[in-house]
């Protein structure tokens, strides 16, 4: 929660988003796709293991 507040505060103060402040103005589709895939797989693994452990 505090991280979100910090990011919003920086964005309001500078007028630029977090990625622009880090020097990433244009989106990078390949790393974004890889990150989304990794997070999705980890989430699915967590869901399936929690469902199986409750049986």
N, C-alpha and C. Protein backbone atom coordinates (compact mmCIF):
# COMPACT_ATOMS: atom_id res chain seq x y z
N UNK A 1 0.82 -1.19 0.00
CA UNK A 1 0.00 0.00 0.00
C UNK A 1 0.87 1.26 0.00
N UNK A 2 1.90 1.25 0.82
CA UNK A 2 2.78 2.42 0.87
C UNK A 2 3.53 2.61 -0.44
N UNK A 3 3.87 1.51 -1.09
CA UNK A 3 4.54 1.60 -2.38
C UNK A 3 3.64 2.25 -3.42
N UNK A 4 2.37 1.91 -3.40
CA UNK A 4 1.43 2.51 -4.33
C UNK A 4 1.29 4.00 -4.08
N UNK A 5 1.19 4.38 -2.81
CA UNK A 5 1.09 5.80 -2.46
C UNK A 5 2.35 6.54 -2.90
N UNK A 6 3.50 5.92 -2.72
CA UNK A 6 4.75 6.54 -3.14
C UNK A 6 4.81 6.74 -4.63
N UNK A 7 4.37 5.74 -5.40
CA UNK A 7 4.39 5.84 -6.85
C UNK A 7 3.44 6.93 -7.33
N UNK A 8 2.25 6.98 -6.75
CA UNK A 8 1.29 8.02 -7.13
C UNK A 8 1.83 9.40 -6.77
N UNK A 9 2.47 9.52 -5.62
CA UNK A 9 3.04 10.81 -5.21
C UNK A 9 4.12 11.27 -6.18
N UNK A 10 5.00 10.37 -6.59
CA UNK A 10 6.05 10.73 -7.54
C UNK A 10 5.45 11.11 -8.89
N UNK A 11 4.43 10.38 -9.31
CA UNK A 11 3.80 10.68 -10.59
C UNK A 11 3.12 12.05 -10.56
N UNK A 12 2.46 12.37 -9.48
CA UNK A 12 1.81 13.68 -9.36
C UNK A 12 2.86 14.79 -9.28
N UNK A 13 3.94 14.56 -8.55
CA UNK A 13 4.96 15.59 -8.36
C UNK A 13 5.74 15.88 -9.65
N UNK A 14 6.06 14.83 -10.41
CA UNK A 14 6.89 15.02 -11.60
C UNK A 14 6.09 15.16 -12.88
N UNK A 15 4.87 14.69 -12.89
CA UNK A 15 4.07 14.71 -14.11
C UNK A 15 4.42 13.59 -15.07
N UNK A 16 5.29 12.68 -14.65
CA UNK A 16 5.69 11.54 -15.46
C UNK A 16 5.41 10.26 -14.68
N UNK A 17 5.15 9.20 -15.42
CA UNK A 17 4.93 7.92 -14.78
C UNK A 17 6.22 7.30 -14.29
N UNK A 18 6.11 6.21 -13.57
CA UNK A 18 7.28 5.56 -12.97
C UNK A 18 8.24 5.07 -14.05
N UNK A 19 7.72 4.47 -15.10
CA UNK A 19 8.59 3.96 -16.15
C UNK A 19 9.29 5.09 -16.89
N UNK A 20 8.62 6.22 -17.07
CA UNK A 20 9.26 7.37 -17.70
C UNK A 20 10.39 7.90 -16.82
N UNK A 21 10.19 7.93 -15.52
CA UNK A 21 11.24 8.37 -14.61
C UNK A 21 12.44 7.43 -14.64
N UNK A 22 12.20 6.16 -14.93
CA UNK A 22 13.29 5.19 -15.01
C UNK A 22 13.93 5.17 -16.39
N UNK A 23 13.41 5.97 -17.33
CA UNK A 23 14.00 6.04 -18.66
C UNK A 23 13.37 5.11 -19.67
N UNK A 24 12.26 4.49 -19.34
CA UNK A 24 11.58 3.57 -20.26
C UNK A 24 10.32 4.25 -20.80
N UNK A 25 10.49 5.01 -21.87
CA UNK A 25 9.37 5.78 -22.40
C UNK A 25 8.47 4.91 -23.26
N UNK A 26 9.05 4.07 -24.10
CA UNK A 26 8.25 3.22 -24.98
C UNK A 26 8.06 1.86 -24.33
N UNK A 27 6.91 1.24 -24.56
CA UNK A 27 6.69 -0.09 -23.98
C UNK A 27 7.58 -1.14 -24.64
N UNK A 28 7.97 -2.11 -23.87
CA UNK A 28 8.80 -3.20 -24.37
C UNK A 28 7.93 -4.47 -24.39
N UNK A 29 7.40 -4.85 -25.54
CA UNK A 29 6.42 -5.94 -25.58
C UNK A 29 6.97 -7.30 -25.16
N UNK A 30 8.19 -7.63 -25.52
CA UNK A 30 8.71 -8.95 -25.19
C UNK A 30 8.90 -9.13 -23.68
N UNK A 31 9.59 -8.22 -22.99
CA UNK A 31 9.71 -8.38 -21.53
C UNK A 31 8.36 -8.32 -20.81
N UNK A 32 7.44 -7.52 -21.32
CA UNK A 32 6.11 -7.45 -20.70
C UNK A 32 5.38 -8.79 -20.85
N UNK A 33 5.51 -9.40 -22.02
CA UNK A 33 4.87 -10.70 -22.24
C UNK A 33 5.50 -11.77 -21.37
N UNK A 34 6.81 -11.75 -21.25
CA UNK A 34 7.51 -12.73 -20.40
C UNK A 34 7.11 -12.55 -18.95
N UNK A 35 7.08 -11.32 -18.47
CA UNK A 35 6.70 -11.06 -17.08
C UNK A 35 5.27 -11.50 -16.81
N UNK A 36 4.36 -11.19 -17.74
CA UNK A 36 2.97 -11.60 -17.57
C UNK A 36 2.83 -13.11 -17.54
N UNK A 37 3.58 -13.80 -18.38
CA UNK A 37 3.54 -15.26 -18.42
C UNK A 37 4.07 -15.85 -17.12
N UNK A 38 5.18 -15.33 -16.62
CA UNK A 38 5.77 -15.85 -15.39
C UNK A 38 4.81 -15.65 -14.21
N UNK A 39 4.24 -14.45 -14.10
CA UNK A 39 3.30 -14.18 -13.01
C UNK A 39 2.07 -15.06 -13.14
N UNK A 40 1.57 -15.27 -14.36
CA UNK A 40 0.41 -16.13 -14.57
C UNK A 40 0.67 -17.57 -14.19
N UNK A 41 1.85 -18.08 -14.55
CA UNK A 41 2.19 -19.46 -14.21
C UNK A 41 2.32 -19.63 -12.70
N UNK A 42 2.98 -18.68 -12.05
CA UNK A 42 3.13 -18.75 -10.60
C UNK A 42 1.77 -18.69 -9.91
N UNK A 43 0.89 -17.81 -10.40
CA UNK A 43 -0.45 -17.70 -9.82
C UNK A 43 -1.24 -18.99 -10.02
N UNK A 44 -1.20 -19.55 -11.22
CA UNK A 44 -1.92 -20.79 -11.49
C UNK A 44 -1.38 -21.92 -10.63
N UNK A 45 -0.05 -21.99 -10.48
CA UNK A 45 0.54 -23.02 -9.63
C UNK A 45 0.05 -22.88 -8.19
N UNK A 46 0.02 -21.67 -7.69
CA UNK A 46 -0.47 -21.44 -6.33
C UNK A 46 -1.92 -21.82 -6.15
N UNK A 47 -2.74 -21.51 -7.14
CA UNK A 47 -4.17 -21.86 -7.06
C UNK A 47 -4.35 -23.36 -7.07
N UNK A 48 -3.67 -24.04 -8.00
CA UNK A 48 -3.84 -25.49 -8.11
C UNK A 48 -3.30 -26.22 -6.88
N UNK A 49 -2.20 -25.76 -6.31
CA UNK A 49 -1.69 -26.44 -5.12
C UNK A 49 -2.57 -26.18 -3.91
N UNK A 50 -3.17 -25.00 -3.80
CA UNK A 50 -4.06 -24.75 -2.67
C UNK A 50 -5.35 -25.53 -2.79
N UNK A 51 -5.84 -25.70 -4.01
CA UNK A 51 -7.06 -26.49 -4.21
C UNK A 51 -6.81 -27.95 -3.88
N UNK A 52 -5.65 -28.47 -4.30
CA UNK A 52 -5.34 -29.88 -4.04
C UNK A 52 -5.05 -30.14 -2.57
N UNK A 53 -4.53 -29.17 -1.85
CA UNK A 53 -4.21 -29.40 -0.44
C UNK A 53 -5.44 -29.39 0.45
N UNK A 54 -6.55 -28.81 -0.02
CA UNK A 54 -7.77 -28.75 0.78
C UNK A 54 -8.58 -30.04 0.69
N UNK A 55 -8.29 -30.90 -0.26
CA UNK A 55 -9.06 -32.14 -0.45
C UNK A 55 -8.76 -33.15 0.61
